[in-house]
Amino acid sequence: MDLLVERTDVWAASIPDKPGGLAGVLATLRDAGADLQFIIARRAPEEPGRGVVFVTPLQNDREIRAAAVAGFNVTHTLHSVRVMGPDRPGIAAQLTQKLADGGINLRGFAASVIRAQFVAYLAVDSLEDANKAIAILEKA
């Protein structure tokens, strides 16, 4: 299987749960030149009035400084692996089965297809699990 598999840092920030809460932090990153490939935002049900946004990648000092000003920190408890390759029916099932067979418990999984390519982000609990997932998927 022709896959690009790599570990990626995920950055998280708390945002106000109101119109423009997400737009404000994303504008800060845009103004610093960030070319984000993945964004997830959601409400924080345990903290009424707040939300959380996760982004990747931040690639240089300017982007990282802007992210810090906007309240972003690299997540040390969430380890992420990005997988990209040609799309085909059942690819997500195949990849997640290989990980399951290798003993990897996924903390989260998000995937999308654009034209003939897929990209998936896997969240695992430790750097060891991320490295093991990479090794498994590079053999796929």
N, C-alpha and C. Protein backbone atom coordinates (compact mmCIF):
# COMPACT_ATOMS: atom_id res chain seq x y z
N MET A 1 0.85 -1.17 0.00
CA MET A 1 0.00 0.00 0.00
C MET A 1 0.90 1.24 0.00
N ASP A 2 0.58 2.20 -0.81
CA ASP A 2 1.38 3.41 -0.95
C ASP A 2 0.86 4.48 0.02
N LEU A 3 1.41 4.51 1.25
CA LEU A 3 0.95 5.44 2.28
C LEU A 3 2.07 6.34 2.73
N LEU A 4 1.71 7.57 3.08
CA LEU A 4 2.61 8.47 3.79
C LEU A 4 2.12 8.49 5.23
N VAL A 5 2.98 8.06 6.15
CA VAL A 5 2.60 7.94 7.56
C VAL A 5 3.61 8.74 8.37
N GLU A 6 3.12 9.68 9.18
CA GLU A 6 4.04 10.49 9.98
C GLU A 6 3.37 10.99 11.25
N ARG A 7 4.19 11.19 12.26
CA ARG A 7 3.70 11.76 13.51
C ARG A 7 3.55 13.26 13.31
N THR A 8 2.54 13.83 13.93
CA THR A 8 2.32 15.27 13.82
C THR A 8 1.90 15.83 15.18
N ASP A 9 2.41 17.00 15.51
CA ASP A 9 1.99 17.66 16.74
C ASP A 9 0.62 18.27 16.53
N VAL A 10 -0.20 18.18 17.55
CA VAL A 10 -1.52 18.80 17.56
C VAL A 10 -1.49 19.91 18.60
N TRP A 11 -2.04 21.06 18.23
CA TRP A 11 -2.09 22.23 19.09
C TRP A 11 -3.54 22.45 19.49
N ALA A 12 -3.78 22.82 20.75
CA ALA A 12 -5.14 23.02 21.25
C ALA A 12 -5.26 24.37 21.94
N ALA A 13 -6.45 24.94 21.85
CA ALA A 13 -6.75 26.19 22.55
C ALA A 13 -8.20 26.17 23.01
N SER A 14 -8.42 26.82 24.13
CA SER A 14 -9.78 27.05 24.60
C SER A 14 -10.32 28.27 23.86
N ILE A 15 -11.59 28.20 23.49
CA ILE A 15 -12.21 29.32 22.78
C ILE A 15 -13.57 29.62 23.42
N PRO A 16 -14.03 30.87 23.31
CA PRO A 16 -15.37 31.17 23.82
C PRO A 16 -16.43 30.49 22.95
N ASP A 17 -17.44 29.94 23.58
CA ASP A 17 -18.55 29.29 22.87
C ASP A 17 -19.57 30.36 22.51
N LYS A 18 -19.22 31.15 21.48
CA LYS A 18 -20.09 32.22 21.00
C LYS A 18 -19.72 32.49 19.55
N PRO A 19 -20.59 33.16 18.81
CA PRO A 19 -20.27 33.48 17.43
C PRO A 19 -18.94 34.23 17.34
N GLY A 20 -18.07 33.75 16.48
CA GLY A 20 -16.77 34.38 16.28
C GLY A 20 -15.66 33.84 17.16
N GLY A 21 -15.99 32.97 18.13
CA GLY A 21 -14.95 32.42 19.00
C GLY A 21 -13.89 31.66 18.23
N LEU A 22 -14.31 30.81 17.33
CA LEU A 22 -13.38 30.05 16.50
C LEU A 22 -12.73 30.95 15.45
N ALA A 23 -13.52 31.80 14.83
CA ALA A 23 -12.99 32.68 13.77
C ALA A 23 -11.84 33.53 14.28
N GLY A 24 -11.93 34.00 15.50
CA GLY A 24 -10.88 34.86 16.05
C GLY A 24 -9.53 34.17 16.16
N VAL A 25 -9.51 32.95 16.70
CA VAL A 25 -8.22 32.27 16.84
C VAL A 25 -7.69 31.82 15.48
N LEU A 26 -8.59 31.42 14.59
CA LEU A 26 -8.12 31.02 13.26
C LEU A 26 -7.57 32.21 12.48
N ALA A 27 -8.16 33.38 12.67
CA ALA A 27 -7.65 34.58 12.00
C ALA A 27 -6.24 34.91 12.49
N THR A 28 -5.98 34.72 13.76
CA THR A 28 -4.65 34.96 14.31
C THR A 28 -3.63 34.05 13.64
N LEU A 29 -3.98 32.78 13.48
CA LEU A 29 -3.07 31.83 12.82
C LEU A 29 -2.91 32.17 11.34
N ARG A 30 -4.00 32.53 10.69
CA ARG A 30 -3.93 32.92 9.27
C ARG A 30 -3.01 34.11 9.09
N ASP A 31 -3.15 35.09 9.95
CA ASP A 31 -2.34 36.31 9.82
C ASP A 31 -0.85 36.03 10.03
N ALA A 32 -0.54 34.94 10.72
CA ALA A 32 0.86 34.55 10.92
C ALA A 32 1.36 33.67 9.78
N GLY A 33 0.48 33.36 8.82
CA GLY A 33 0.88 32.57 7.66
C GLY A 33 0.65 31.08 7.80
N ALA A 34 -0.06 30.65 8.84
CA ALA A 34 -0.29 29.21 9.04
C ALA A 34 -1.14 28.66 7.91
N ASP A 35 -0.73 27.53 7.38
CA ASP A 35 -1.48 26.80 6.36
C ASP A 35 -1.95 25.51 7.03
N LEU A 36 -3.05 25.60 7.76
CA LEU A 36 -3.54 24.47 8.54
C LEU A 36 -4.09 23.39 7.63
N GLN A 37 -3.79 22.16 7.97
CA GLN A 37 -4.28 21.02 7.20
C GLN A 37 -5.45 20.33 7.89
N PHE A 38 -5.60 20.58 9.19
CA PHE A 38 -6.64 19.89 9.93
C PHE A 38 -7.09 20.75 11.11
N ILE A 39 -8.39 20.88 11.25
CA ILE A 39 -8.99 21.66 12.34
C ILE A 39 -10.18 20.89 12.87
N ILE A 40 -10.25 20.74 14.17
CA ILE A 40 -11.45 20.21 14.83
C ILE A 40 -11.81 21.19 15.94
N ALA A 41 -13.06 21.59 16.00
CA ALA A 41 -13.53 22.46 17.07
C ALA A 41 -14.82 21.88 17.63
N ARG A 42 -14.99 22.02 18.93
CA ARG A 42 -16.21 21.52 19.56
C ARG A 42 -16.45 22.28 20.85
N ARG A 43 -17.67 22.18 21.35
CA ARG A 43 -17.98 22.72 22.66
C ARG A 43 -17.31 21.87 23.72
N ALA A 44 -17.08 22.48 24.85
CA ALA A 44 -16.53 21.76 26.01
C ALA A 44 -17.67 21.58 27.01
N PRO A 45 -18.42 20.46 26.95
CA PRO A 45 -19.61 20.31 27.79
C PRO A 45 -19.30 20.39 29.30
N GLU A 46 -18.07 20.06 29.66
CA GLU A 46 -17.68 20.12 31.07
C GLU A 46 -17.38 21.54 31.51
N GLU A 47 -17.36 22.49 30.55
CA GLU A 47 -17.03 23.88 30.84
C GLU A 47 -18.00 24.79 30.06
N PRO A 48 -19.21 25.00 30.58
CA PRO A 48 -20.20 25.81 29.84
C PRO A 48 -19.63 27.17 29.44
N GLY A 49 -19.96 27.56 28.21
CA GLY A 49 -19.49 28.84 27.68
C GLY A 49 -18.13 28.77 27.02
N ARG A 50 -17.53 27.58 27.00
CA ARG A 50 -16.20 27.41 26.40
C ARG A 50 -16.25 26.31 25.34
N GLY A 51 -15.30 26.38 24.45
CA GLY A 51 -15.10 25.36 23.44
C GLY A 51 -13.62 25.05 23.37
N VAL A 52 -13.27 24.12 22.50
CA VAL A 52 -11.87 23.77 22.30
C VAL A 52 -11.64 23.58 20.80
N VAL A 53 -10.47 24.01 20.34
CA VAL A 53 -10.10 23.83 18.95
C VAL A 53 -8.74 23.14 18.91
N PHE A 54 -8.61 22.20 17.99
CA PHE A 54 -7.36 21.48 17.75
C PHE A 54 -6.93 21.76 16.32
N VAL A 55 -5.65 22.07 16.11
CA VAL A 55 -5.14 22.35 14.77
C VAL A 55 -3.79 21.67 14.55
N THR A 56 -3.48 21.45 13.28
CA THR A 56 -2.16 20.97 12.88
C THR A 56 -1.98 21.28 11.41
N PRO A 57 -0.81 21.56 10.93
CA PRO A 57 0.44 21.77 11.66
C PRO A 57 0.68 23.25 11.90
N LEU A 58 1.56 23.53 12.84
CA LEU A 58 2.18 24.84 12.98
C LEU A 58 3.65 24.61 12.68
N GLN A 59 4.20 25.36 11.72
CA GLN A 59 5.47 24.94 11.14
C GLN A 59 6.68 25.83 11.39
N ASN A 60 6.51 27.01 11.92
CA ASN A 60 7.69 27.85 12.12
C ASN A 60 7.50 28.73 13.35
N ASP A 61 8.54 29.46 13.71
CA ASP A 61 8.51 30.28 14.92
C ASP A 61 7.40 31.33 14.88
N ARG A 62 7.19 31.95 13.73
CA ARG A 62 6.15 32.98 13.63
C ARG A 62 4.77 32.38 13.92
N GLU A 63 4.47 31.24 13.34
CA GLU A 63 3.18 30.59 13.56
C GLU A 63 3.04 30.16 15.02
N ILE A 64 4.10 29.63 15.59
CA ILE A 64 4.05 29.16 16.98
C ILE A 64 3.88 30.33 17.95
N ARG A 65 4.55 31.45 17.68
CA ARG A 65 4.37 32.63 18.54
C ARG A 65 2.93 33.13 18.46
N ALA A 66 2.37 33.20 17.26
CA ALA A 66 0.99 33.65 17.10
C ALA A 66 0.03 32.69 17.81
N ALA A 67 0.32 31.40 17.70
CA ALA A 67 -0.53 30.40 18.37
C ALA A 67 -0.50 30.60 19.88
N ALA A 68 0.68 30.86 20.41
CA ALA A 68 0.80 31.07 21.86
C ALA A 68 -0.01 32.30 22.29
N VAL A 69 0.04 33.36 21.51
CA VAL A 69 -0.73 34.58 21.82
C VAL A 69 -2.23 34.26 21.80
N ALA A 70 -2.66 33.38 20.90
CA ALA A 70 -4.08 33.01 20.79
C ALA A 70 -4.49 31.95 21.82
N GLY A 71 -3.53 31.50 22.64
CA GLY A 71 -3.87 30.54 23.69
C GLY A 71 -3.62 29.09 23.34
N PHE A 72 -2.95 28.82 22.22
CA PHE A 72 -2.66 27.45 21.83
C PHE A 72 -1.44 26.90 22.57
N ASN A 73 -1.49 25.63 22.86
CA ASN A 73 -0.35 24.88 23.38
C ASN A 73 -0.29 23.55 22.65
N VAL A 74 0.91 23.05 22.44
CA VAL A 74 1.03 21.72 21.86
C VAL A 74 0.50 20.73 22.90
N THR A 75 -0.27 19.74 22.44
CA THR A 75 -0.85 18.77 23.37
C THR A 75 0.19 17.70 23.70
N HIS A 76 0.42 17.51 24.97
CA HIS A 76 1.39 16.50 25.40
C HIS A 76 0.72 15.18 25.78
N THR A 77 -0.60 15.19 25.87
CA THR A 77 -1.32 13.97 26.22
C THR A 77 -2.03 13.36 25.02
N LEU A 78 -1.99 14.05 23.90
CA LEU A 78 -2.61 13.55 22.68
C LEU A 78 -1.51 13.39 21.63
N HIS A 79 -1.32 12.18 21.20
CA HIS A 79 -0.29 11.89 20.20
C HIS A 79 -1.00 11.54 18.90
N SER A 80 -0.57 12.17 17.82
CA SER A 80 -1.29 12.05 16.56
C SER A 80 -0.39 11.54 15.44
N VAL A 81 -1.00 10.73 14.58
CA VAL A 81 -0.34 10.20 13.39
C VAL A 81 -1.21 10.56 12.20
N ARG A 82 -0.57 11.15 11.18
CA ARG A 82 -1.28 11.48 9.94
C ARG A 82 -0.96 10.40 8.91
N VAL A 83 -2.01 9.92 8.23
CA VAL A 83 -1.86 8.90 7.19
C VAL A 83 -2.52 9.43 5.94
N MET A 84 -1.78 9.41 4.82
CA MET A 84 -2.32 9.86 3.55
C MET A 84 -2.04 8.82 2.48
N GLY A 85 -2.95 8.70 1.54
CA GLY A 85 -2.73 7.75 0.45
C GLY A 85 -3.90 7.74 -0.51
N PRO A 86 -3.83 6.86 -1.49
CA PRO A 86 -4.91 6.76 -2.47
C PRO A 86 -6.17 6.19 -1.82
N ASP A 87 -7.29 6.80 -2.13
CA ASP A 87 -8.56 6.34 -1.57
C ASP A 87 -9.04 5.09 -2.29
N ARG A 88 -9.71 4.25 -1.55
CA ARG A 88 -10.41 3.11 -2.13
C ARG A 88 -11.43 2.63 -1.11
N PRO A 89 -12.46 1.95 -1.55
CA PRO A 89 -13.48 1.48 -0.61
C PRO A 89 -12.87 0.62 0.50
N GLY A 90 -13.24 0.91 1.72
CA GLY A 90 -12.80 0.09 2.85
C GLY A 90 -11.44 0.43 3.42
N ILE A 91 -10.80 1.50 2.96
CA ILE A 91 -9.44 1.80 3.43
C ILE A 91 -9.43 2.08 4.93
N ALA A 92 -10.42 2.80 5.45
CA ALA A 92 -10.46 3.09 6.89
C ALA A 92 -10.62 1.80 7.69
N ALA A 93 -11.47 0.92 7.23
CA ALA A 93 -11.65 -0.36 7.92
C ALA A 93 -10.36 -1.17 7.90
N GLN A 94 -9.67 -1.17 6.78
CA GLN A 94 -8.42 -1.93 6.67
C GLN A 94 -7.36 -1.37 7.61
N LEU A 95 -7.19 -0.06 7.61
CA LEU A 95 -6.17 0.55 8.47
C LEU A 95 -6.47 0.35 9.94
N THR A 96 -7.72 0.57 10.33
CA THR A 96 -8.06 0.42 11.75
C THR A 96 -7.97 -1.04 12.19
N GLN A 97 -8.24 -1.98 11.30
CA GLN A 97 -8.09 -3.39 11.65
C GLN A 97 -6.62 -3.75 11.87
N LYS A 98 -5.75 -3.24 11.00
CA LYS A 98 -4.31 -3.49 11.18
C LYS A 98 -3.83 -2.94 12.52
N LEU A 99 -4.31 -1.76 12.87
CA LEU A 99 -3.94 -1.19 14.16
C LEU A 99 -4.48 -2.02 15.32
N ALA A 100 -5.72 -2.45 15.20
CA ALA A 100 -6.32 -3.31 16.24
C ALA A 100 -5.54 -4.60 16.38
N ASP A 101 -5.19 -5.20 15.25
CA ASP A 101 -4.41 -6.45 15.29
C ASP A 101 -3.05 -6.23 15.95
N GLY A 102 -2.53 -5.01 15.84
CA GLY A 102 -1.24 -4.68 16.45
C GLY A 102 -1.37 -4.21 17.89
N GLY A 103 -2.58 -4.23 18.43
CA GLY A 103 -2.78 -3.85 19.82
C GLY A 103 -2.90 -2.36 20.08
N ILE A 104 -3.15 -1.58 19.04
CA ILE A 104 -3.27 -0.13 19.20
C ILE A 104 -4.73 0.23 19.49
N ASN A 105 -4.95 0.90 20.62
CA ASN A 105 -6.27 1.39 20.98
C ASN A 105 -6.34 2.86 20.56
N LEU A 106 -7.24 3.17 19.66
CA LEU A 106 -7.36 4.53 19.16
C LEU A 106 -8.14 5.40 20.13
N ARG A 107 -7.59 6.54 20.43
CA ARG A 107 -8.26 7.54 21.26
C ARG A 107 -9.23 8.36 20.40
N GLY A 108 -8.88 8.50 19.14
CA GLY A 108 -9.72 9.23 18.20
C GLY A 108 -9.32 8.90 16.77
N PHE A 109 -10.23 9.13 15.84
CA PHE A 109 -9.97 8.87 14.43
C PHE A 109 -10.81 9.85 13.62
N ALA A 110 -10.18 10.53 12.68
CA ALA A 110 -10.88 11.42 11.76
C ALA A 110 -10.27 11.23 10.38
N ALA A 111 -11.13 11.18 9.37
CA ALA A 111 -10.63 10.97 8.01
C ALA A 111 -11.50 11.71 7.02
N SER A 112 -10.90 12.02 5.87
CA SER A 112 -11.62 12.69 4.81
C SER A 112 -11.02 12.28 3.47
N VAL A 113 -11.82 12.41 2.43
CA VAL A 113 -11.36 12.11 1.08
C VAL A 113 -11.54 13.35 0.22
N ILE A 114 -10.50 13.67 -0.54
CA ILE A 114 -10.58 14.73 -1.53
C ILE A 114 -10.10 14.13 -2.84
N ARG A 115 -11.00 14.11 -3.79
CA ARG A 115 -10.76 13.48 -5.08
C ARG A 115 -10.33 12.03 -4.86
N ALA A 116 -9.13 11.68 -5.25
CA ALA A 116 -8.70 10.28 -5.17
C ALA A 116 -7.79 10.01 -3.98
N GLN A 117 -7.63 10.98 -3.07
CA GLN A 117 -6.72 10.83 -1.94
C GLN A 117 -7.49 10.90 -0.62
N PHE A 118 -7.03 10.13 0.37
CA PHE A 118 -7.60 10.23 1.70
C PHE A 118 -6.53 10.76 2.64
N VAL A 119 -6.98 11.37 3.72
CA VAL A 119 -6.10 11.74 4.81
C VAL A 119 -6.82 11.35 6.09
N ALA A 120 -6.09 10.74 7.00
CA ALA A 120 -6.65 10.32 8.28
C ALA A 120 -5.72 10.77 9.39
N TYR A 121 -6.32 11.18 10.49
CA TYR A 121 -5.57 11.53 11.69
C TYR A 121 -5.97 10.56 12.78
N LEU A 122 -4.98 9.89 13.34
CA LEU A 122 -5.20 8.93 14.41
C LEU A 122 -4.69 9.53 15.70
N ALA A 123 -5.48 9.46 16.74
CA ALA A 123 -5.04 9.93 18.06
C ALA A 123 -4.84 8.70 18.94
N VAL A 124 -3.69 8.65 19.59
CA VAL A 124 -3.36 7.56 20.50
C VAL A 124 -2.89 8.15 21.83
N ASP A 125 -2.74 7.30 22.82
CA ASP A 125 -2.47 7.78 24.18
C ASP A 125 -1.01 8.05 24.52
N SER A 126 -0.08 7.53 23.73
CA SER A 126 1.33 7.70 24.11
C SER A 126 2.21 7.80 22.86
N LEU A 127 3.39 8.35 23.06
CA LEU A 127 4.37 8.41 21.97
C LEU A 127 4.74 7.00 21.53
N GLU A 128 4.84 6.09 22.48
CA GLU A 128 5.14 4.69 22.14
C GLU A 128 4.07 4.12 21.21
N ASP A 129 2.79 4.37 21.51
CA ASP A 129 1.72 3.90 20.64
C ASP A 129 1.78 4.57 19.27
N ALA A 130 2.12 5.86 19.23
CA ALA A 130 2.23 6.55 17.94
C ALA A 130 3.33 5.92 17.09
N ASN A 131 4.47 5.65 17.70
CA ASN A 131 5.57 5.03 16.96
C ASN A 131 5.22 3.62 16.51
N LYS A 132 4.51 2.89 17.35
CA LYS A 132 4.09 1.54 16.99
C LYS A 132 3.07 1.58 15.84
N ALA A 133 2.14 2.54 15.89
CA ALA A 133 1.15 2.69 14.82
C ALA A 133 1.84 3.02 13.50
N ILE A 134 2.82 3.89 13.55
CA ILE A 134 3.57 4.24 12.34
C ILE A 134 4.24 2.99 11.76
N ALA A 135 4.89 2.21 12.60
CA ALA A 135 5.56 0.99 12.14
C ALA A 135 4.56 0.03 11.51
N ILE A 136 3.42 -0.14 12.12
CA ILE A 136 2.39 -1.05 11.59
C ILE A 136 1.91 -0.56 10.23
N LEU A 137 1.59 0.73 10.12
CA LEU A 137 1.01 1.24 8.89
C LEU A 137 2.04 1.38 7.76
N GLU A 138 3.30 1.55 8.12
CA GLU A 138 4.32 1.60 7.06
C GLU A 138 4.49 0.24 6.39
N LYS A 139 4.12 -0.84 7.08
CA LYS A 139 4.17 -2.18 6.51
C LYS A 139 2.92 -2.52 5.72
N ALA A 140 1.87 -1.71 5.89
CA ALA A 140 0.56 -2.01 5.28
C ALA A 140 0.63 -1.95 3.77
